[in-house]
Protein backbone atom coordinates (compact mmCIF):
# COMPACT_ATOMS: atom_id res chain seq x y z
CA MET A 1 -123.54 -17.56 13.36
CA ARG A 2 -120.23 -19.94 13.01
CA SER A 3 -120.88 -23.04 10.86
CA ILE A 4 -119.38 -26.15 12.64
CA ARG A 5 -118.62 -27.24 9.27
CA PRO A 6 -115.12 -28.11 7.37
CA SER A 7 -112.25 -25.62 8.42
CA PHE A 8 -110.26 -24.44 5.41
CA THR A 9 -106.95 -23.61 5.02
CA ALA A 10 -107.91 -20.22 3.89
CA ARG A 11 -110.21 -18.58 6.33
CA ARG A 12 -113.20 -17.11 4.38
CA GLY A 13 -114.86 -13.85 5.48
CA GLY A 14 -118.57 -13.37 5.42
CA ASN A 15 -121.58 -12.08 6.85
CA ALA A 16 -123.44 -14.96 7.41
CA ARG A 17 -123.25 -17.98 10.19
CA ARG A 18 -120.19 -19.74 10.55
CA ARG A 19 -120.26 -23.35 10.26
CA THR A 20 -118.82 -25.62 12.65
CA SER A 21 -116.62 -26.37 9.86
CA PRO A 22 -114.72 -29.17 9.33
CA VAL A 23 -110.97 -28.25 10.10
CA LEU A 24 -108.45 -28.10 7.52
CA ALA A 25 -106.50 -31.40 8.26
CA ALA A 26 -102.85 -32.46 7.94
CA VAL A 27 -104.29 -35.76 7.07
CA ALA A 28 -106.09 -36.29 3.80
CA LEU A 29 -109.00 -38.71 4.50
CA ALA A 30 -111.72 -37.37 2.39
CA SER A 31 -112.36 -37.10 -1.03
CA ALA A 32 -114.72 -35.41 -3.65
CA LEU A 33 -116.08 -32.01 -3.64
CA ALA A 34 -118.87 -31.82 -6.12
CA LEU A 35 -122.15 -30.91 -4.78
CA THR A 36 -124.95 -30.91 -7.20
CA ALA A 37 -128.32 -32.57 -7.98
CA THR A 38 -130.28 -35.18 -6.11
CA ALA A 39 -129.10 -38.41 -6.46
CA CYS A 40 -129.73 -40.51 -9.41
CA ASP A 41 -131.54 -43.83 -8.26
CA SER A 42 -132.30 -42.59 -4.60
CA GLY A 43 -135.54 -44.30 -4.19
CA ASN A 44 -136.92 -42.12 -1.81
CA ALA A 45 -137.23 -38.55 -2.21
CA GLU A 46 -136.04 -38.04 1.17
CA ALA A 47 -133.51 -40.38 1.01
CA GLY A 48 -130.72 -38.19 -0.05
CA GLY A 49 -128.21 -37.89 -2.67
CA GLU A 50 -126.09 -40.89 -3.20
CA ALA A 51 -122.66 -40.99 -3.86
CA SER A 52 -121.02 -43.64 -6.13
CA SER A 53 -118.34 -45.72 -4.59
CA SER A 54 -114.94 -45.67 -4.76
CA ALA A 55 -113.76 -49.35 -6.02
CA PRO A 56 -111.17 -51.11 -4.62
CA SER A 57 -107.86 -51.22 -6.64
CA GLU A 58 -106.96 -54.55 -8.72
CA GLY A 59 -103.69 -56.07 -9.14
CA ASP A 60 -102.45 -53.81 -11.67
CA GLY A 61 -103.16 -50.78 -9.30
CA LYS A 62 -105.77 -49.38 -11.72
CA ILE A 63 -109.46 -48.52 -10.36
CA THR A 64 -112.39 -50.60 -10.99
CA ILE A 65 -115.47 -48.74 -11.70
CA PRO A 66 -118.73 -49.00 -13.81
CA ASP A 67 -117.82 -48.25 -17.37
CA ASN A 68 -120.73 -45.75 -17.44
CA LEU A 69 -119.18 -43.88 -14.57
CA ARG A 70 -115.74 -44.03 -16.20
CA ASP A 71 -117.21 -42.57 -19.60
CA ARG A 72 -118.93 -39.78 -17.36
CA LEU A 73 -116.13 -38.83 -16.01
CA LYS A 74 -113.78 -38.25 -18.86
CA GLU A 75 -116.70 -36.48 -20.36
CA HIS A 76 -115.51 -33.91 -17.40
CA GLY A 77 -111.92 -34.30 -18.73
CA ILE A 78 -111.12 -36.63 -15.52
CA ASP A 79 -109.05 -39.94 -16.24
CA ILE A 80 -109.56 -42.06 -13.40
CA ASP A 81 -106.47 -43.89 -13.85
CA LYS A 82 -104.66 -40.53 -13.31
CA TRP A 83 -106.59 -39.71 -10.12
CA LYS A 84 -104.32 -41.23 -7.76
CA ASN A 85 -100.95 -39.93 -9.38
CA GLY A 86 -102.25 -36.19 -8.40
CA GLU A 87 -105.06 -35.61 -10.75
CA TRP A 88 -107.58 -35.11 -7.80
CA LYS A 89 -105.78 -32.05 -6.96
CA ASN A 90 -107.10 -30.34 -10.04
CA TRP A 91 -110.13 -28.42 -8.95
CA ASP A 92 -111.03 -26.55 -11.99
CA LYS A 93 -114.75 -26.05 -11.80
CA ASP A 94 -115.20 -27.49 -15.18
CA ASP A 95 -113.74 -30.83 -13.79
CA TRP A 96 -115.68 -31.00 -10.60
CA LEU A 97 -117.72 -34.32 -10.08
CA ARG A 98 -121.06 -32.53 -9.36
CA GLU A 99 -123.70 -35.34 -9.75
CA ALA A 100 -124.55 -37.27 -6.92
CA ASP A 101 -123.52 -40.57 -8.57
CA GLU A 102 -120.19 -39.43 -9.54
CA TYR A 103 -118.47 -39.49 -6.31
CA ILE A 104 -115.55 -41.36 -6.11
CA ASN A 105 -112.88 -41.83 -3.51
CA PRO A 106 -109.81 -43.95 -4.39
CA ILE A 107 -107.46 -45.03 -1.55
CA ILE A 108 -104.07 -43.18 -1.76
CA GLU A 109 -102.37 -44.99 0.69
CA GLY A 110 -100.05 -42.97 2.97
CA LEU A 111 -101.85 -39.55 1.93
CA TRP A 112 -103.20 -38.72 5.46
CA ASN A 113 -99.90 -38.61 7.27
CA PRO A 114 -99.41 -37.73 11.11
CA ASP A 115 -98.34 -33.97 9.46
CA ARG A 116 -101.15 -33.60 7.03
CA MET A 117 -103.63 -34.37 9.90
CA ARG A 118 -102.12 -32.29 12.64
CA LYS A 119 -101.97 -29.25 10.54
CA ALA A 120 -105.55 -29.19 9.90
CA GLU A 121 -107.50 -25.60 10.51
CA ASP A 122 -110.43 -24.06 10.85
CA PRO A 123 -112.49 -22.02 8.81
CA ASP A 124 -113.58 -18.58 9.97
CA ASN A 125 -117.38 -18.12 8.22
CA ALA A 126 -118.70 -15.91 10.83
CA VAL A 127 -121.50 -13.96 11.40
CA ASP A 128 -123.30 -12.43 14.32
CA ASP A 129 -126.57 -13.54 15.93
CA SER A 130 -128.51 -10.83 14.58
CA ASP A 131 -129.12 -12.76 11.19
CA LEU A 132 -131.75 -14.92 13.35
CA SER A 133 -134.31 -12.08 13.77
CA GLY A 134 -136.29 -13.12 10.67
CA ASP A 135 -136.44 -16.85 11.49
CA GLN A 136 -139.81 -18.45 12.06
CA GLY A 137 -141.04 -21.11 13.97
CA VAL A 138 -140.12 -22.09 17.59
CA THR A 139 -136.88 -20.74 18.93
CA ASP A 140 -136.31 -20.77 22.68
CA PRO A 141 -133.87 -18.13 24.20
CA THR A 142 -130.39 -18.38 23.47
CA PRO A 143 -128.76 -20.84 25.93
CA GLU A 144 -126.06 -20.06 28.30
CA PRO A 145 -122.43 -20.82 27.33
CA VAL A 146 -121.35 -24.10 28.85
CA ASP A 147 -117.60 -24.41 28.70
CA ALA A 148 -115.98 -27.54 26.50
CA LYS A 149 -114.53 -30.11 28.80
CA ALA A 150 -111.43 -31.84 27.71
CA VAL A 151 -111.77 -35.72 27.32
CA SER A 152 -109.21 -37.46 29.36
CA PRO A 153 -107.04 -39.70 27.75
CA THR A 154 -107.35 -42.47 26.57
CA TYR A 155 -110.09 -41.40 24.26
CA HIS A 156 -110.95 -45.07 23.37
CA ASP A 157 -111.74 -45.72 26.70
CA SER A 158 -114.36 -43.32 27.11
CA VAL A 159 -115.92 -42.39 23.81
CA PRO A 160 -114.47 -45.38 21.51
CA GLU A 161 -117.09 -44.66 18.70
CA ALA A 162 -115.50 -41.05 18.45
CA GLY A 163 -113.01 -39.97 15.60
CA LYS A 164 -112.04 -37.35 13.12
CA VAL A 165 -112.87 -37.09 9.32
CA PHE A 166 -110.23 -35.80 7.24
CA PHE A 167 -110.90 -34.62 3.39
CA ASP A 168 -109.49 -32.53 0.79
CA SER A 169 -111.17 -29.23 -0.76
CA PRO A 170 -110.22 -26.36 -3.18
CA GLU A 171 -108.82 -24.42 -0.26
CA GLY A 172 -106.72 -27.32 1.07
CA SER A 173 -106.93 -30.19 3.74
CA MET A 174 -109.99 -30.32 6.18
CA VAL A 175 -111.20 -31.91 8.92
CA CYS A 176 -114.43 -32.66 10.80
CA SER A 177 -115.50 -34.85 13.66
CA ALA A 178 -117.58 -38.02 13.34
CA THR A 179 -118.86 -41.18 15.31
CA VAL A 180 -119.15 -45.05 14.27
CA VAL A 181 -122.70 -46.15 14.17
CA GLN A 182 -124.41 -49.43 14.16
CA ASP A 183 -125.47 -50.97 10.83
CA PRO A 184 -128.94 -52.64 10.99
CA ALA A 185 -127.93 -54.79 7.77
CA ASN A 186 -124.74 -56.26 9.56
CA PRO A 187 -125.01 -56.10 13.22
CA GLY A 188 -122.14 -56.19 15.08
CA LYS A 189 -119.89 -55.67 12.08
CA SER A 190 -120.75 -52.19 11.05
CA ASN A 191 -118.59 -49.80 8.77
CA LEU A 192 -120.72 -46.87 9.13
CA VAL A 193 -119.70 -43.18 10.05
CA TRP A 194 -122.17 -40.46 10.79
CA THR A 195 -121.15 -36.79 10.29
CA ALA A 196 -122.45 -33.46 8.89
CA GLY A 197 -123.55 -33.40 5.47
CA HIS A 198 -121.12 -30.15 4.98
CA CYS A 199 -118.10 -32.61 5.98
CA VAL A 200 -118.56 -34.91 2.62
CA HIS A 201 -120.58 -32.16 0.13
CA ALA A 202 -120.26 -28.45 -0.32
CA GLY A 203 -123.83 -27.94 -0.89
CA LYS A 204 -125.58 -25.93 -3.43
CA ASN A 205 -122.67 -23.99 -4.75
CA GLY A 206 -120.08 -26.69 -4.69
CA GLY A 207 -119.51 -30.42 -4.74
CA TRP A 208 -118.22 -33.92 -3.26
CA TYR A 209 -115.18 -33.30 -1.35
CA ARG A 210 -112.19 -35.60 -2.00
CA ASN A 211 -110.03 -38.26 -0.33
CA ILE A 212 -112.50 -38.47 2.65
CA ALA A 213 -111.31 -40.77 5.66
CA PHE A 214 -111.91 -41.64 8.96
CA VAL A 215 -109.64 -41.81 11.92
CA PRO A 216 -111.07 -43.37 15.12
CA SER A 217 -109.78 -42.08 18.36
CA TYR A 218 -107.46 -39.71 16.74
CA ASN A 219 -104.56 -38.69 19.08
CA ASN A 220 -105.94 -41.37 21.50
CA GLU A 221 -103.13 -40.37 24.22
CA GLY A 222 -104.03 -36.80 23.84
CA ARG A 223 -100.55 -35.42 23.07
CA THR A 224 -99.84 -31.96 22.44
CA ALA A 225 -99.38 -30.38 18.86
CA ALA A 226 -95.83 -30.21 19.80
CA GLU A 227 -95.52 -33.76 20.52
CA LEU A 228 -97.79 -34.69 17.34
CA GLN A 229 -94.93 -33.21 15.43
CA ASN A 230 -92.82 -36.36 15.97
CA ALA A 231 -95.67 -38.77 16.11
CA THR A 232 -95.85 -41.77 14.43
CA ARG A 233 -98.72 -42.68 12.10
CA GLU A 234 -99.84 -45.25 14.30
CA GLU A 235 -99.86 -43.00 17.52
CA ALA A 236 -102.04 -40.44 15.39
CA ALA A 237 -104.40 -43.21 13.98
CA PRO A 238 -104.21 -46.13 16.42
CA TYR A 239 -107.05 -47.67 15.19
CA GLY A 240 -106.03 -47.11 11.36
CA VAL A 241 -107.25 -44.95 8.68
CA TRP A 242 -110.76 -45.77 6.98
CA TRP A 243 -111.46 -44.52 3.44
CA GLY A 244 -114.84 -43.82 2.62
CA ASP A 245 -115.88 -46.08 -0.05
CA TRP A 246 -119.67 -44.45 -0.20
CA ALA A 247 -121.11 -41.21 1.27
CA GLN A 248 -124.65 -40.29 1.14
CA THR A 249 -126.21 -36.88 2.36
CA SER A 250 -129.68 -35.54 2.20
CA ASP A 251 -131.05 -34.38 -1.00
CA GLN A 252 -132.03 -30.83 0.81
CA TRP A 253 -128.32 -30.51 1.90
CA ILE A 254 -127.30 -30.86 -1.58
CA GLU A 255 -129.82 -28.55 -3.12
CA GLN A 256 -129.77 -26.04 -0.35
CA GLY A 257 -126.62 -26.26 2.07
CA GLY A 258 -124.47 -23.34 2.21
CA ALA A 259 -121.20 -22.58 4.30
CA THR A 260 -122.70 -19.71 5.96
CA GLY A 261 -126.06 -18.56 7.12
CA GLY A 262 -127.61 -21.65 8.19
CA ASP A 263 -128.95 -22.66 4.85
CA GLY A 264 -129.88 -26.38 4.89
CA ALA A 265 -128.94 -27.06 8.55
CA SER A 266 -132.13 -28.88 9.35
CA TYR A 267 -130.89 -31.63 6.97
CA ASP A 268 -126.65 -31.18 7.51
CA PHE A 269 -126.34 -35.34 8.13
CA ALA A 270 -124.24 -37.69 6.34
CA VAL A 271 -123.38 -41.24 6.48
CA ILE A 272 -119.87 -42.72 5.26
CA HIS A 273 -119.47 -46.45 4.39
CA VAL A 274 -115.62 -47.12 5.03
CA THR A 275 -112.97 -49.54 4.44
CA PRO A 276 -109.52 -49.89 5.75
CA GLU A 277 -106.60 -48.32 4.07
CA GLU A 278 -104.60 -51.15 4.28
CA GLY A 279 -107.07 -54.24 4.22
CA GLY A 280 -106.47 -54.62 7.78
CA ASP A 281 -107.34 -58.20 9.28
CA GLY A 282 -110.70 -58.86 8.17
CA LYS A 283 -112.50 -57.13 10.88
CA SER A 284 -115.27 -54.36 10.28
CA LEU A 285 -114.79 -50.74 11.92
CA GLU A 286 -117.05 -51.58 14.81
CA GLU A 287 -115.11 -54.84 15.68
CA THR A 288 -111.99 -52.65 15.43
CA VAL A 289 -112.79 -49.94 17.95
CA GLY A 290 -115.33 -52.52 19.85
CA SER A 291 -118.51 -50.19 19.79
CA ALA A 292 -120.92 -48.65 17.77
CA LEU A 293 -123.81 -46.05 18.74
CA PRO A 294 -127.33 -46.55 17.91
CA VAL A 295 -129.30 -43.96 15.98
CA ASP A 296 -132.36 -42.70 17.31
CA PHE A 297 -134.69 -41.20 14.59
CA LYS A 298 -137.85 -40.95 17.29
CA ALA A 299 -135.79 -39.52 20.19
CA PRO A 300 -138.22 -37.56 22.43
CA ALA A 301 -139.52 -33.73 21.53
CA VAL A 302 -136.94 -31.12 22.50
CA PRO A 303 -138.53 -30.23 25.99
CA GLN A 304 -138.48 -33.94 27.11
CA VAL A 305 -134.68 -34.25 26.40
CA GLN A 306 -132.93 -34.14 29.78
CA SER A 307 -129.44 -33.87 28.66
CA ILE A 308 -127.64 -33.88 25.42
CA THR A 309 -123.55 -34.67 25.12
CA ALA A 310 -121.83 -33.50 22.16
CA THR A 311 -118.33 -34.80 21.33
CA GLY A 312 -115.53 -33.16 18.78
CA TYR A 313 -112.23 -31.89 18.11
CA PRO A 314 -112.74 -28.49 17.90
CA ALA A 315 -109.83 -26.55 16.28
CA ALA A 316 -110.43 -22.97 15.84
CA ALA A 317 -109.24 -20.70 18.67
CA PRO A 318 -108.86 -21.32 21.55
CA PHE A 319 -108.36 -25.03 20.28
CA ASP A 320 -105.85 -26.30 18.17
CA GLY A 321 -108.00 -29.52 16.48
CA GLN A 322 -105.60 -31.99 18.29
CA LEU A 323 -107.57 -32.89 21.17
CA MET A 324 -110.94 -34.52 22.34
CA TYR A 325 -113.72 -32.15 24.24
CA GLN A 326 -117.20 -32.75 24.93
CA CYS A 327 -120.24 -30.28 26.39
CA GLN A 328 -123.34 -31.40 28.34
CA ASP A 329 -126.81 -29.38 28.55
CA LYS A 330 -130.03 -29.43 28.39
CA PRO A 331 -131.28 -28.72 24.69
CA GLY A 332 -133.43 -25.90 23.69
CA ARG A 333 -135.15 -25.12 20.15
CA LEU A 334 -133.69 -23.47 17.06
CA SER A 335 -136.06 -22.72 14.03
CA ILE A 336 -133.85 -21.54 10.83
CA SER A 337 -136.79 -21.87 8.39
CA ALA A 338 -140.45 -22.36 9.54
CA PRO A 339 -141.09 -25.26 6.96
CA ASP A 340 -137.89 -27.05 8.20
CA PRO A 341 -137.79 -29.18 11.14
CA THR A 342 -136.46 -27.42 14.27
CA MET A 343 -132.97 -28.04 15.35
CA TYR A 344 -131.83 -28.97 18.78
CA ARG A 345 -129.65 -26.31 20.36
CA ILE A 346 -127.23 -26.41 23.60
CA GLY A 347 -124.94 -24.07 25.35
CA CYS A 348 -121.29 -25.04 24.22
CA THR A 349 -117.94 -23.34 23.52
CA MET A 350 -116.56 -25.75 20.96
CA THR A 351 -115.48 -24.28 17.83
CA ALA A 352 -115.08 -25.19 14.08
CA GLY A 353 -113.41 -28.60 13.87
CA SER A 354 -116.38 -30.22 16.12
CA SER A 355 -118.83 -29.96 13.08
CA GLY A 356 -120.18 -33.47 12.68
CA GLY A 357 -119.29 -34.74 15.90
CA GLY A 358 -122.33 -36.96 17.44
CA TRP A 359 -124.77 -35.66 20.01
CA VAL A 360 -125.83 -38.52 22.54
CA ALA A 361 -128.97 -38.76 24.25
CA THR A 362 -131.02 -41.27 26.27
CA GLY A 363 -132.87 -42.66 23.47
CA SER A 364 -136.56 -43.83 23.13
CA ASP A 365 -135.38 -47.24 24.49
CA GLY A 366 -133.78 -45.91 27.37
CA GLN A 367 -130.31 -46.13 26.15
CA PRO A 368 -127.81 -43.88 25.04
CA ALA A 369 -128.29 -43.24 21.17
CA LEU A 370 -126.88 -40.73 18.57
CA VAL A 371 -129.75 -38.33 18.13
CA SER A 372 -128.03 -35.29 16.12
CA ASN A 373 -124.63 -34.25 15.08
CA THR A 374 -123.04 -30.50 15.56
CA SER A 375 -123.67 -28.38 12.44
CA ILE A 376 -123.89 -24.74 13.26
CA GLY A 377 -122.87 -22.38 15.80
CA PRO A 378 -122.54 -18.45 16.49
CA ALA A 379 -119.40 -16.60 15.33
CA THR A 380 -118.47 -15.76 18.92
CA ALA A 381 -118.98 -19.43 20.11
CA GLY A 382 -121.09 -19.89 23.06
CA TRP A 383 -123.77 -22.93 21.64
CA LEU A 384 -123.96 -25.05 18.68
CA ALA A 385 -127.29 -26.68 17.02
CA GLY A 386 -127.75 -29.87 15.14
CA PRO A 387 -130.46 -31.03 13.24
CA ARG A 388 -133.16 -33.47 14.90
CA LEU A 389 -132.87 -36.90 12.97
CA GLY A 390 -136.22 -37.87 11.08
CA ASP A 391 -137.27 -39.65 8.07
CA ALA A 392 -135.01 -37.77 5.69
CA ALA A 393 -131.85 -38.96 7.83
CA LYS A 394 -133.41 -42.41 8.30
CA GLY A 395 -133.60 -42.59 4.69
CA VAL A 396 -129.71 -41.70 4.22
CA TYR A 397 -129.02 -44.03 7.03
CA ASP A 398 -130.97 -46.88 5.71
CA SER A 399 -130.10 -46.77 2.01
CA VAL A 400 -126.53 -46.84 2.90
CA SER A 401 -126.86 -49.82 5.21
CA GLN A 402 -128.83 -51.63 2.59
CA LYS A 403 -126.43 -51.05 -0.24
CA PHE A 404 -123.94 -52.92 1.76
CA ALA A 405 -126.08 -55.41 3.26
CA GLY A 406 -123.96 -58.80 3.81
CA GLN A 407 -120.75 -57.09 3.11
């Protein structure tokens, strides 16, 4: 299977499912690759690992972070005062930020320029579908492929909540898709972004990614890759670049997640709290883009869902990552592991780079709501699968919302 997870500059080989990887990006919007133990101070065993916030800069240009975290980072050989000057490029395993509460993401102005964003590539972590033969639980027949349809520009007119997440990994700059979602603690003023867990954390064999950032309505006018070569930053990112100052994924993804094979896919979701790179005009992300989707953690059972629409920026061939696409299909069920929640699965030809993109359906209240996100797909494309959002996902969501309540 193909993992719809972040795509890497260098393609990886392998015999496992390929996640709809975040595609390698030319714009550096994500930060920190340390994946490890469950979060400290999580409060809820299912709430997911917390990542410590990247604090804003003070007048002297230094990053303000708690002294205890500063000391822990120095134990890893990391001087936070040197981070923004390029030390983040050091991916020595001994220096990885691996603990859940060691996530930092200081804003590095201008890092994600149009060229970095445009050059994002996809990861090639593919496997054939035969590795599903041992799956237990309920799995419906493989759906027929549904051709991804290009979204007509401007993207903001039809899908204002959608965008791209950029980040850096040891393999290079990468990219995923993501969605602006509502914040119950800050109604009408959300700064929350929903994406896949593998777009912020590498899982059981890695850590937090670095320089994580979100660009709503990336390439809003639908310019070609050739046209984007001379694009200004405002043309590539018309609603700004928003840096993650907190990221949280599930404990299950941190402990079980893998780049291939579908490990941890049932819990492959994450919430990022963002702040504008340049301070902005005081408006929240939701106010800036004019919309945010509710998240439905009690969506109907798979057989009762008539249609799901998945949105993303696929980057693996035949796509190039610059344009927004959608697939619409009636979902089926996919069980990767019997003890884990059964996933949604739809026919769709989107490829790597679409990972993390939102899946929208009619929610339990009869209104459109986010019910999943792209996680995995087969090496040959044709279908995508995403986690069904339940208690674990709600725990991650509520934790991030409450952390920034009133802010």
